[in-house]
Amino acid sequence: PNVGCYIHGLFLEGARWDAAAGLLAESRPKELYTEMAVIWLVPEPNRKPPESGSYLCPIYKTLTRAGTLSTTGHSTNYVIAVEIPTDKPEKHWIKRGTALICALDF
């Protein structure tokens, strides 16, 4: 794009992307990982995060979330977090361990 960048090839764990509604949805039965839609990152100076209507979803390199950096407290596998639209409270997705994964182990 002319502004920002696209991210594709990520997988959702603990939820699925509902393309029709344009937000996070519950996983279907027996569905552990689902493909995430393309994410468009657009930089915006001094942006304030929304108070509701989004989940700050962490992105990890692989399924392993162990190992902690002493400087940040995050997993050594942690990449960044992105806001994903949702109609449920953020704690709903936190309880499910919802995260985006760059590469599955299989």
PDB file of N, CA and C in Angstrom:
ATOM      1  N   PRO A   1       0.823  -1.207   0.000  1.00  0.00           N
ATOM      2  CA  PRO A   1       0.000   0.000   0.000  1.00  0.00           C
ATOM      3  C   PRO A   1       0.864   1.267   0.000  1.00  0.00           C
ATOM      4  N   ASN A   2       0.271   2.369  -0.298  1.00  0.00           N
ATOM      5  CA  ASN A   2       0.989   3.645  -0.260  1.00  0.00           C
ATOM      6  C   ASN A   2       1.367   4.034   1.166  1.00  0.00           C
ATOM      7  N   VAL A   3       0.542   3.661   2.130  1.00  0.00           N
ATOM      8  CA  VAL A   3       0.792   3.974   3.534  1.00  0.00           C
ATOM      9  C   VAL A   3       0.719   2.693   4.344  1.00  0.00           C
ATOM     10  N   GLY A   4       1.668   2.493   5.250  1.00  0.00           N
ATOM     11  CA  GLY A   4       1.640   1.334   6.133  1.00  0.00           C
ATOM     12  C   GLY A   4       2.143   0.070   5.473  1.00  0.00           C
ATOM     13  N   CYS A   5       1.744  -1.077   6.036  1.00  0.00           N
ATOM     14  CA  CYS A   5       2.142  -2.368   5.476  1.00  0.00           C
ATOM     15  C   CYS A   5       1.079  -3.424   5.791  1.00  0.00           C
ATOM     16  N   TYR A   6       1.102  -4.484   4.987  1.00  0.00           N
ATOM     17  CA  TYR A   6       0.183  -5.606   5.186  1.00  0.00           C
ATOM     18  C   TYR A   6       0.913  -6.731   5.916  1.00  0.00           C
ATOM     19  N   ILE A   7       0.176  -7.430   6.769  1.00  0.00           N
ATOM     20  CA  ILE A   7       0.675  -8.648   7.409  1.00  0.00           C
ATOM     21  C   ILE A   7      -0.259  -9.776   6.992  1.00  0.00           C
ATOM     22  N   HIS A   8       0.297 -10.853   6.475  1.00  0.00           N
ATOM     23  CA  HIS A   8      -0.539 -12.003   6.109  1.00  0.00           C
ATOM     24  C   HIS A   8       0.177 -13.284   6.507  1.00  0.00           C
ATOM     25  N   GLY A   9      -0.547 -14.372   6.561  1.00  0.00           N
ATOM     26  CA  GLY A   9       0.033 -15.660   6.911  1.00  0.00           C
ATOM     27  C   GLY A   9       0.004 -15.963   8.397  1.00  0.00           C
ATOM     28  N   LEU A  10      -0.749 -15.202   9.176  1.00  0.00           N
ATOM     29  CA  LEU A  10      -0.859 -15.468  10.611  1.00  0.00           C
ATOM     30  C   LEU A  10      -2.000 -16.437  10.892  1.00  0.00           C
ATOM     31  N   PHE A  11      -1.900 -17.113  12.031  1.00  0.00           N
ATOM     32  CA  PHE A  11      -2.935 -18.047  12.466  1.00  0.00           C
ATOM     33  C   PHE A  11      -3.480 -17.608  13.815  1.00  0.00           C
ATOM     34  N   LEU A  12      -4.782 -17.746  13.993  1.00  0.00           N
ATOM     35  CA  LEU A  12      -5.430 -17.429  15.271  1.00  0.00           C
ATOM     36  C   LEU A  12      -5.547 -18.687  16.115  1.00  0.00           C
ATOM     37  N   GLU A  13      -5.224 -18.567  17.388  1.00  0.00           N
ATOM     38  CA  GLU A  13      -5.424 -19.645  18.349  1.00  0.00           C
ATOM     39  C   GLU A  13      -6.397 -19.138  19.400  1.00  0.00           C
ATOM     40  N   GLY A  14      -7.432 -19.922  19.691  1.00  0.00           N
ATOM     41  CA  GLY A  14      -8.403 -19.534  20.710  1.00  0.00           C
ATOM     42  C   GLY A  14      -9.565 -18.712  20.185  1.00  0.00           C
ATOM     43  N   ALA A  15      -9.603 -18.491  18.884  1.00  0.00           N
ATOM     44  CA  ALA A  15     -10.690 -17.732  18.260  1.00  0.00           C
ATOM     45  C   ALA A  15     -10.595 -17.920  16.748  1.00  0.00           C
ATOM     46  N   ARG A  16     -11.531 -17.320  16.038  1.00  0.00           N
ATOM     47  CA  ARG A  16     -11.467 -17.320  14.572  1.00  0.00           C
ATOM     48  C   ARG A  16     -11.886 -15.943  14.094  1.00  0.00           C
ATOM     49  N   TRP A  17     -11.532 -15.627  12.863  1.00  0.00           N
ATOM     50  CA  TRP A  17     -11.909 -14.357  12.274  1.00  0.00           C
ATOM     51  C   TRP A  17     -13.202 -14.546  11.499  1.00  0.00           C
ATOM     52  N   ASP A  18     -14.213 -13.773  11.827  1.00  0.00           N
ATOM     53  CA  ASP A  18     -15.486 -13.802  11.121  1.00  0.00           C
ATOM     54  C   ASP A  18     -15.442 -12.700  10.058  1.00  0.00           C
ATOM     55  N   ALA A  19     -15.193 -13.084   8.815  1.00  0.00           N
ATOM     56  CA  ALA A  19     -15.042 -12.106   7.731  1.00  0.00           C
ATOM     57  C   ALA A  19     -16.342 -11.364   7.449  1.00  0.00           C
ATOM     58  N   ALA A  20     -17.481 -12.045   7.587  1.00  0.00           N
ATOM     59  CA  ALA A  20     -18.768 -11.409   7.308  1.00  0.00           C
ATOM     60  C   ALA A  20     -19.059 -10.282   8.312  1.00  0.00           C
ATOM     61  N   ALA A  21     -18.764 -10.537   9.590  1.00  0.00           N
ATOM     62  CA  ALA A  21     -19.018  -9.538  10.630  1.00  0.00           C
ATOM     63  C   ALA A  21     -17.843  -8.587  10.815  1.00  0.00           C
ATOM     64  N   GLY A  22     -16.641  -9.011  10.386  1.00  0.00           N
ATOM     65  CA  GLY A  22     -15.456  -8.178  10.523  1.00  0.00           C
ATOM     66  C   GLY A  22     -14.944  -8.077  11.943  1.00  0.00           C
ATOM     67  N   LEU A  23     -15.055  -9.205  12.701  1.00  0.00           N
ATOM     68  CA  LEU A  23     -14.548  -9.215  14.071  1.00  0.00           C
ATOM     69  C   LEU A  23     -14.237 -10.618  14.544  1.00  0.00           C
ATOM     70  N   LEU A  24     -13.635 -10.710  15.736  1.00  0.00           N
ATOM     71  CA  LEU A  24     -13.306 -12.010  16.320  1.00  0.00           C
ATOM     72  C   LEU A  24     -14.574 -12.769  16.672  1.00  0.00           C
ATOM     73  N   ALA A  25     -14.516 -14.086  16.537  1.00  0.00           N
ATOM     74  CA  ALA A  25     -15.643 -14.941  16.890  1.00  0.00           C
ATOM     75  C   ALA A  25     -15.116 -16.193  17.590  1.00  0.00           C
ATOM     76  N   GLU A  26     -16.009 -16.914  18.229  1.00  0.00           N
ATOM     77  CA  GLU A  26     -15.644 -18.158  18.903  1.00  0.00           C
ATOM     78  C   GLU A  26     -15.145 -19.177  17.882  1.00  0.00           C
ATOM     79  N   SER A  27     -14.174 -19.994  18.299  1.00  0.00           N
ATOM     80  CA  SER A  27     -13.689 -21.075  17.440  1.00  0.00           C
ATOM     81  C   SER A  27     -14.793 -22.087  17.212  1.00  0.00           C
ATOM     82  N   ARG A  28     -14.761 -22.715  16.076  1.00  0.00           N
ATOM     83  CA  ARG A  28     -15.703 -23.810  15.812  1.00  0.00           C
ATOM     84  C   ARG A  28     -15.198 -25.060  16.516  1.00  0.00           C
ATOM     85  N   PRO A  29     -16.086 -26.040  16.786  1.00  0.00           N
ATOM     86  CA  PRO A  29     -15.650 -27.280  17.439  1.00  0.00           C
ATOM     87  C   PRO A  29     -14.520 -27.957  16.661  1.00  0.00           C
ATOM     88  N   LYS A  30     -13.537 -28.455  17.383  1.00  0.00           N
ATOM     89  CA  LYS A  30     -12.386 -29.185  16.843  1.00  0.00           C
ATOM     90  C   LYS A  30     -11.498 -28.335  15.937  1.00  0.00           C
ATOM     91  N   GLU A  31     -11.589 -27.038  16.049  1.00  0.00           N
ATOM     92  CA  GLU A  31     -10.784 -26.129  15.237  1.00  0.00           C
ATOM     93  C   GLU A  31      -9.790 -25.422  16.168  1.00  0.00           C
ATOM     94  N   LEU A  32      -8.540 -25.887  16.171  1.00  0.00           N
ATOM     95  CA  LEU A  32      -7.552 -25.310  17.075  1.00  0.00           C
ATOM     96  C   LEU A  32      -6.953 -24.021  16.528  1.00  0.00           C
ATOM     97  N   TYR A  33      -6.640 -24.004  15.252  1.00  0.00           N
ATOM     98  CA  TYR A  33      -5.999 -22.850  14.624  1.00  0.00           C
ATOM     99  C   TYR A  33      -6.737 -22.502  13.338  1.00  0.00           C
ATOM    100  N   THR A  34      -6.922 -21.203  13.114  1.00  0.00           N
ATOM    101  CA  THR A  34      -7.568 -20.763  11.885  1.00  0.00           C
ATOM    102  C   THR A  34      -6.733 -19.652  11.261  1.00  0.00           C
ATOM    103  N   GLU A  35      -6.854 -19.502   9.956  1.00  0.00           N
ATOM    104  CA  GLU A  35      -6.109 -18.456   9.269  1.00  0.00           C
ATOM    105  C   GLU A  35      -6.715 -17.097   9.580  1.00  0.00           C
ATOM    106  N   MET A  36      -5.851 -16.140   9.812  1.00  0.00           N
ATOM    107  CA  MET A  36      -6.279 -14.767  10.067  1.00  0.00           C
ATOM    108  C   MET A  36      -6.326 -14.018   8.748  1.00  0.00           C
ATOM    109  N   ALA A  37      -7.236 -13.087   8.647  1.00  0.00           N
ATOM    110  CA  ALA A  37      -7.322 -12.238   7.453  1.00  0.00           C
ATOM    111  C   ALA A  37      -6.074 -11.355   7.375  1.00  0.00           C
ATOM    112  N   VAL A  38      -5.860 -10.750   6.237  1.00  0.00           N
ATOM    113  CA  VAL A  38      -4.746  -9.826   6.067  1.00  0.00           C
ATOM    114  C   VAL A  38      -4.969  -8.612   6.979  1.00  0.00           C
ATOM    115  N   ILE A  39      -3.918  -8.215   7.685  1.00  0.00           N
ATOM    116  CA  ILE A  39      -3.984  -7.070   8.586  1.00  0.00           C
ATOM    117  C   ILE A  39      -3.234  -5.912   7.943  1.00  0.00           C
ATOM    118  N   TRP A  40      -3.842  -4.751   7.928  1.00  0.00           N
ATOM    119  CA  TRP A  40      -3.221  -3.559   7.368  1.00  0.00           C
ATOM    120  C   TRP A  40      -2.802  -2.655   8.514  1.00  0.00           C
ATOM    121  N   LEU A  41      -1.505  -2.487   8.717  1.00  0.00           N
ATOM    122  CA  LEU A  41      -0.982  -1.612   9.757  1.00  0.00           C
ATOM    123  C   LEU A  41      -0.750  -0.226   9.175  1.00  0.00           C
ATOM    124  N   VAL A  42      -1.394   0.775   9.759  1.00  0.00           N
ATOM    125  CA  VAL A  42      -1.256   2.158   9.308  1.00  0.00           C
ATOM    126  C   VAL A  42      -0.739   2.987  10.485  1.00  0.00           C
ATOM    127  N   PRO A  43       0.432   3.603  10.346  1.00  0.00           N
ATOM    128  CA  PRO A  43       0.957   4.415  11.451  1.00  0.00           C
ATOM    129  C   PRO A  43       0.138   5.686  11.653  1.00  0.00           C
ATOM    130  N   GLU A  44      -0.069   6.032  12.910  1.00  0.00           N
ATOM    131  CA  GLU A  44      -0.808   7.251  13.236  1.00  0.00           C
ATOM    132  C   GLU A  44      -0.168   7.878  14.470  1.00  0.00           C
ATOM    133  N   PRO A  45       0.405   9.070  14.341  1.00  0.00           N
ATOM    134  CA  PRO A  45       1.082   9.678  15.487  1.00  0.00           C
ATOM    135  C   PRO A  45       0.102  10.042  16.612  1.00  0.00           C
ATOM    136  N   ASN A  46       0.548   9.821  17.838  1.00  0.00           N
ATOM    137  CA  ASN A  46      -0.203  10.182  19.049  1.00  0.00           C
ATOM    138  C   ASN A  46      -1.603   9.572  19.098  1.00  0.00           C
ATOM    139  N   ARG A  47      -1.745   8.373  18.554  1.00  0.00           N
ATOM    140  CA  ARG A  47      -3.040   7.688  18.555  1.00  0.00           C
ATOM    141  C   ARG A  47      -3.362   7.166  19.948  1.00  0.00           C
ATOM    142  N   LYS A  48      -4.585   7.334  20.364  1.00  0.00           N
ATOM    143  CA  LYS A  48      -5.046   6.799  21.645  1.00  0.00           C
ATOM    144  C   LYS A  48      -5.830   5.513  21.372  1.00  0.00           C
ATOM    145  N   PRO A  49      -5.525   4.441  22.105  1.00  0.00           N
ATOM    146  CA  PRO A  49      -6.254   3.189  21.876  1.00  0.00           C
ATOM    147  C   PRO A  49      -7.719   3.317  22.257  1.00  0.00           C
ATOM    148  N   PRO A  50      -8.606   2.595  21.573  1.00  0.00           N
ATOM    149  CA  PRO A  50     -10.033   2.663  21.906  1.00  0.00           C
ATOM    150  C   PRO A  50     -10.306   2.055  23.279  1.00  0.00           C
ATOM    151  N   GLU A  51     -11.319   2.570  23.953  1.00  0.00           N
ATOM    152  CA  GLU A  51     -11.669   2.092  25.295  1.00  0.00           C
ATOM    153  C   GLU A  51     -12.363   0.732  25.249  1.00  0.00           C
ATOM    154  N   SER A  52     -13.087   0.467  24.161  1.00  0.00           N
ATOM    155  CA  SER A  52     -13.777  -0.818  24.019  1.00  0.00           C
ATOM    156  C   SER A  52     -13.921  -1.133  22.538  1.00  0.00           C
ATOM    157  N   GLY A  53     -14.353  -2.351  22.256  1.00  0.00           N
ATOM    158  CA  GLY A  53     -14.584  -2.756  20.874  1.00  0.00           C
ATOM    159  C   GLY A  53     -13.372  -3.337  20.187  1.00  0.00           C
ATOM    160  N   SER A  54     -12.283  -3.560  20.947  1.00  0.00           N
ATOM    161  CA  SER A  54     -11.116  -4.196  20.344  1.00  0.00           C
ATOM    162  C   SER A  54     -10.395  -5.045  21.384  1.00  0.00           C
ATOM    163  N   TYR A  55      -9.661  -6.028  20.891  1.00  0.00           N
ATOM    164  CA  TYR A  55      -8.841  -6.906  21.731  1.00  0.00           C
ATOM    165  C   TYR A  55      -7.392  -6.683  21.334  1.00  0.00           C
ATOM    166  N   LEU A  56      -6.535  -6.360  22.285  1.00  0.00           N
ATOM    167  CA  LEU A  56      -5.112  -6.182  22.030  1.00  0.00           C
ATOM    168  C   LEU A  56      -4.483  -7.571  21.991  1.00  0.00           C
ATOM    169  N   CYS A  57      -4.391  -8.121  20.791  1.00  0.00           N
ATOM    170  CA  CYS A  57      -3.997  -9.516  20.583  1.00  0.00           C
ATOM    171  C   CYS A  57      -2.480  -9.641  20.403  1.00  0.00           C
ATOM    172  N   PRO A  58      -1.825 -10.455  21.232  1.00  0.00           N
ATOM    173  CA  PRO A  58      -0.383 -10.650  21.071  1.00  0.00           C
ATOM    174  C   PRO A  58      -0.075 -11.524  19.850  1.00  0.00           C
ATOM    175  N   ILE A  59       1.065 -11.261  19.230  1.00  0.00           N
ATOM    176  CA  ILE A  59       1.554 -12.090  18.130  1.00  0.00           C
ATOM    177  C   ILE A  59       2.815 -12.788  18.616  1.00  0.00           C
ATOM    178  N   TYR A  60       2.879 -14.110  18.414  1.00  0.00           N
ATOM    179  CA  TYR A  60       4.036 -14.912  18.794  1.00  0.00           C
ATOM    180  C   TYR A  60       4.650 -15.551  17.563  1.00  0.00           C
ATOM    181  N   LYS A  61       5.959 -15.813  17.605  1.00  0.00           N
ATOM    182  CA  LYS A  61       6.650 -16.445  16.478  1.00  0.00           C
ATOM    183  C   LYS A  61       6.170 -17.882  16.281  1.00  0.00           C
ATOM    184  N   THR A  62       6.107 -18.645  17.374  1.00  0.00           N
ATOM    185  CA  THR A  62       5.652 -20.041  17.322  1.00  0.00           C
ATOM    186  C   THR A  62       4.652 -20.274  18.447  1.00  0.00           C
ATOM    187  N   LEU A  63       4.171 -21.496  18.546  1.00  0.00           N
ATOM    188  CA  LEU A  63       3.171 -21.829  19.567  1.00  0.00           C
ATOM    189  C   LEU A  63       3.722 -21.764  20.988  1.00  0.00           C
ATOM    190  N   THR A  64       5.033 -21.863  21.149  1.00  0.00           N
ATOM    191  CA  THR A  64       5.640 -21.824  22.474  1.00  0.00           C
ATOM    192  C   THR A  64       5.618 -20.408  23.017  1.00  0.00           C
ATOM    193  N   ARG A  65       5.038 -20.251  24.202  1.00  0.00           N
ATOM    194  CA  ARG A  65       4.971 -18.918  24.802  1.00  0.00           C
ATOM    195  C   ARG A  65       5.866 -18.812  26.031  1.00  0.00           C
ATOM    196  N   ALA A  66       6.718 -19.804  26.232  1.00  0.00           N
ATOM    197  CA  ALA A  66       7.581 -19.837  27.412  1.00  0.00           C
ATOM    198  C   ALA A  66       8.833 -18.977  27.203  1.00  0.00           C
ATOM    199  N   GLY A  67       9.565 -18.766  28.282  1.00  0.00           N
ATOM    200  CA  GLY A  67      10.784 -17.963  28.224  1.00  0.00           C
ATOM    201  C   GLY A  67      10.443 -16.501  28.416  1.00  0.00           C
ATOM    202  N   THR A  68      11.149 -15.833  29.315  1.00  0.00           N
ATOM    203  CA  THR A  68      10.818 -14.446  29.618  1.00  0.00           C
ATOM    204  C   THR A  68      12.051 -13.569  29.520  1.00  0.00           C
ATOM    205  N   LEU A  69      11.910 -12.438  28.863  1.00  0.00           N
ATOM    206  CA  LEU A  69      12.978 -11.445  28.824  1.00  0.00           C
ATOM    207  C   LEU A  69      12.977 -10.677  30.131  1.00  0.00           C
ATOM    208  N   SER A  70      14.131 -10.511  30.732  1.00  0.00           N
ATOM    209  CA  SER A  70      14.192  -9.805  32.008  1.00  0.00           C
ATOM    210  C   SER A  70      13.906  -8.312  31.850  1.00  0.00           C
ATOM    211  N   THR A  71      14.129  -7.771  30.661  1.00  0.00           N
ATOM    212  CA  THR A  71      13.921  -6.334  30.461  1.00  0.00           C
ATOM    213  C   THR A  71      12.454  -5.958  30.296  1.00  0.00           C
ATOM    214  N   THR A  72      11.686  -6.768  29.561  1.00  0.00           N
ATOM    215  CA  THR A  72      10.291  -6.411  29.287  1.00  0.00           C
ATOM    216  C   THR A  72       9.282  -7.284  30.014  1.00  0.00           C
ATOM    217  N   GLY A  73       9.682  -8.489  30.395  1.00  0.00           N
ATOM    218  CA  GLY A  73       8.750  -9.419  31.017  1.00  0.00           C
ATOM    219  C   GLY A  73       7.940 -10.218  30.015  1.00  0.00           C
ATOM    220  N   HIS A  74       8.116  -9.919  28.720  1.00  0.00           N
ATOM    221  CA  HIS A  74       7.406 -10.662  27.677  1.00  0.00           C
ATOM    222  C   HIS A  74       8.151 -11.943  27.321  1.00  0.00           C
ATOM    223  N   SER A  75       7.442 -12.856  26.668  1.00  0.00           N
ATOM    224  CA  SER A  75       8.046 -14.081  26.174  1.00  0.00           C
ATOM    225  C   SER A  75       9.091 -13.751  25.119  1.00  0.00           C
ATOM    226  N   THR A  76      10.137 -14.546  25.042  1.00  0.00           N
ATOM    227  CA  THR A  76      11.151 -14.365  23.999  1.00  0.00           C
ATOM    228  C   THR A  76      10.575 -14.660  22.625  1.00  0.00           C
ATOM    229  N   ASN A  77       9.416 -15.269  22.591  1.00  0.00           N
ATOM    230  CA  ASN A  77       8.714 -15.594  21.350  1.00  0.00           C
ATOM    231  C   ASN A  77       7.765 -14.475  20.916  1.00  0.00           C
ATOM    232  N   TYR A  78       7.565 -13.507  21.784  1.00  0.00           N
ATOM    233  CA  TYR A  78       6.627 -12.409  21.559  1.00  0.00           C
ATOM    234  C   TYR A  78       7.144 -11.479  20.463  1.00  0.00           C
ATOM    235  N   VAL A  79       6.242 -11.035  19.568  1.00  0.00           N
ATOM    236  CA  VAL A  79       6.616 -10.121  18.498  1.00  0.00           C
ATOM    237  C   VAL A  79       6.055  -8.733  18.777  1.00  0.00           C
ATOM    238  N   ILE A  80       4.739  -8.606  18.783  1.00  0.00           N
ATOM    239  CA  ILE A  80       4.048  -7.336  18.979  1.00  0.00           C
ATOM    240  C   ILE A  80       2.578  -7.651  19.265  1.00  0.00           C
ATOM    241  N   ALA A  81       1.807  -6.664  19.634  1.00  0.00           N
ATOM    242  CA  ALA A  81       0.366  -6.843  19.813  1.00  0.00           C
ATOM    243  C   ALA A  81      -0.375  -5.945  18.836  1.00  0.00           C
ATOM    244  N   VAL A  82      -1.493  -6.433  18.314  1.00  0.00           N
ATOM    245  CA  VAL A  82      -2.316  -5.656  17.384  1.00  0.00           C
ATOM    246  C   VAL A  82      -3.752  -5.609  17.902  1.00  0.00           C
ATOM    247  N   GLU A  83      -4.436  -4.523  17.588  1.00  0.00           N
ATOM    248  CA  GLU A  83      -5.836  -4.387  17.984  1.00  0.00           C
ATOM    249  C   GLU A  83      -6.717  -5.080  16.958  1.00  0.00           C
ATOM    250  N   ILE A  84      -7.572  -5.968  17.440  1.00  0.00           N
ATOM    251  CA  ILE A  84      -8.496  -6.689  16.567  1.00  0.00           C
ATOM    252  C   ILE A  84      -9.916  -6.358  17.011  1.00  0.00           C
ATOM    253  N   PRO A  85     -10.795  -5.989  16.078  1.00  0.00           N
ATOM    254  CA  PRO A  85     -12.181  -5.654  16.439  1.00  0.00           C
ATOM    255  C   PRO A  85     -12.917  -6.845  17.071  1.00  0.00           C
ATOM    256  N   THR A  86     -13.732  -6.552  18.072  1.00  0.00           N
ATOM    257  CA  THR A  86     -14.527  -7.581  18.752  1.00  0.00           C
ATOM    258  C   THR A  86     -15.780  -6.952  19.342  1.00  0.00           C
ATOM    259  N   ASP A  87     -16.793  -7.784  19.562  1.00  0.00           N
ATOM    260  CA  ASP A  87     -18.000  -7.302  20.224  1.00  0.00           C
ATOM    261  C   ASP A  87     -18.091  -7.825  21.655  1.00  0.00           C
ATOM    262  N   LYS A  88     -17.023  -8.493  22.115  1.00  0.00           N
ATOM    263  CA  LYS A  88     -16.968  -9.022  23.478  1.00  0.00           C
ATOM    264  C   LYS A  88     -15.897  -8.272  24.265  1.00  0.00           C
ATOM    265  N   PRO A  89     -15.960  -8.308  25.597  1.00  0.00           N
ATOM    266  CA  PRO A  89     -14.924  -7.639  26.392  1.00  0.00           C
ATOM    267  C   PRO A  89     -13.553  -8.310  26.202  1.00  0.00           C
ATOM    268  N   GLU A  90     -12.504  -7.554  26.405  1.00  0.00           N
ATOM    269  CA  GLU A  90     -11.150  -8.066  26.207  1.00  0.00           C
ATOM    270  C   GLU A  90     -10.861  -9.280  27.094  1.00  0.00           C
ATOM    271  N   LYS A  91     -11.386  -9.295  28.320  1.00  0.00           N
ATOM    272  CA  LYS A  91     -11.133 -10.422  29.233  1.00  0.00           C
ATOM    273  C   LYS A  91     -11.688 -11.743  28.694  1.00  0.00           C
ATOM    274  N   HIS A  92     -12.715 -11.679  27.853  1.00  0.00           N
ATOM    275  CA  HIS A  92     -13.276 -12.878  27.226  1.00  0.00           C
ATOM    276  C   HIS A  92     -12.199 -13.606  26.417  1.00  0.00           C
ATOM    277  N   TRP A  93     -11.436 -12.854  25.617  1.00  0.00           N
ATOM    278  CA  TRP A  93     -10.402 -13.450  24.761  1.00  0.00           C
ATOM    279  C   TRP A  93      -9.146 -13.786  25.550  1.00  0.00           C
ATOM    280  N   ILE A  94      -8.879 -13.035  26.598  1.00  0.00           N
ATOM    281  CA  ILE A  94      -7.718 -13.334  27.454  1.00  0.00           C
ATOM    282  C   ILE A  94      -7.905 -14.686  28.124  1.00  0.00           C
ATOM    283  N   LYS A  95      -9.116 -14.966  28.631  1.00  0.00           N
ATOM    284  CA  LYS A  95      -9.404 -16.260  29.276  1.00  0.00           C
ATOM    285  C   LYS A  95      -9.216 -17.427  28.309  1.00  0.00           C
ATOM    286  N   ARG A  96      -9.451 -17.207  27.025  1.00  0.00           N
ATOM    287  CA  ARG A  96      -9.291 -18.256  26.019  1.00  0.00           C
ATOM    288  C   ARG A  96      -7.862 -18.360  25.503  1.00  0.00           C
ATOM    289  N   GLY A  97      -7.007 -17.462  25.941  1.00  0.00           N
ATOM    290  CA  GLY A  97      -5.615 -17.490  25.495  1.00  0.00           C
ATOM    291  C   GLY A  97      -5.479 -17.142  24.020  1.00  0.00           C
ATOM    292  N   THR A  98      -6.363 -16.297  23.523  1.00  0.00           N
ATOM    293  CA  THR A  98      -6.375 -15.951  22.110  1.00  0.00           C
ATOM    294  C   THR A  98      -5.103 -15.192  21.730  1.00  0.00           C
ATOM    295  N   ALA A  99      -4.447 -15.684  20.682  1.00  0.00           N
ATOM    296  CA  ALA A  99      -3.223 -15.053  20.198  1.00  0.00           C
ATOM    297  C   ALA A  99      -3.064 -15.335  18.716  1.00  0.00           C
ATOM    298  N   LEU A 100      -2.250 -14.522  18.068  1.00  0.00           N
ATOM    299  CA  LEU A 100      -1.884 -14.752  16.679  1.00  0.00           C
ATOM    300  C   LEU A 100      -0.520 -15.435  16.654  1.00  0.00           C
ATOM    301  N   ILE A 101      -0.350 -16.398  15.751  1.00  0.00           N
ATOM    302  CA  ILE A 101       0.872 -17.196  15.663  1.00  0.00           C
ATOM    303  C   ILE A 101       1.460 -17.040  14.256  1.00  0.00           C
ATOM    304  N   CYS A 102       2.761 -16.802  14.176  1.00  0.00           N
ATOM    305  CA  CYS A 102       3.426 -16.656  12.864  1.00  0.00           C
ATOM    306  C   CYS A 102       3.637 -18.003  12.183  1.00  0.00           C
ATOM    307  N   ALA A 103       4.000 -19.032  12.946  1.00  0.00           N
ATOM    308  CA  ALA A 103       4.294 -20.338  12.362  1.00  0.00           C
ATOM    309  C   ALA A 103       3.828 -21.452  13.283  1.00  0.00           C
ATOM    310  N   LEU A 104       3.066 -22.368  12.727  1.00  0.00           N
ATOM    311  CA  LEU A 104       2.615 -23.536  13.496  1.00  0.00           C
ATOM    312  C   LEU A 104       3.742 -24.568  13.509  1.00  0.00           C
ATOM    313  N   ASP A 105       3.754 -25.430  14.528  1.00  0.00           N
ATOM    314  CA  ASP A 105       4.836 -26.397  14.710  1.00  0.00           C
ATOM    315  C   ASP A 105       4.749 -27.620  13.818  1.00  0.00           C
ATOM    316  N   PHE A 106       3.670 -27.768  13.079  1.00  0.00           N
ATOM    317  CA  PHE A 106       3.529 -28.978  12.268  1.00  0.00           C
ATOM    318  C   PHE A 106       3.474 -28.677  10.813  1.00  0.00           C
TER     319      PHE A 106
END
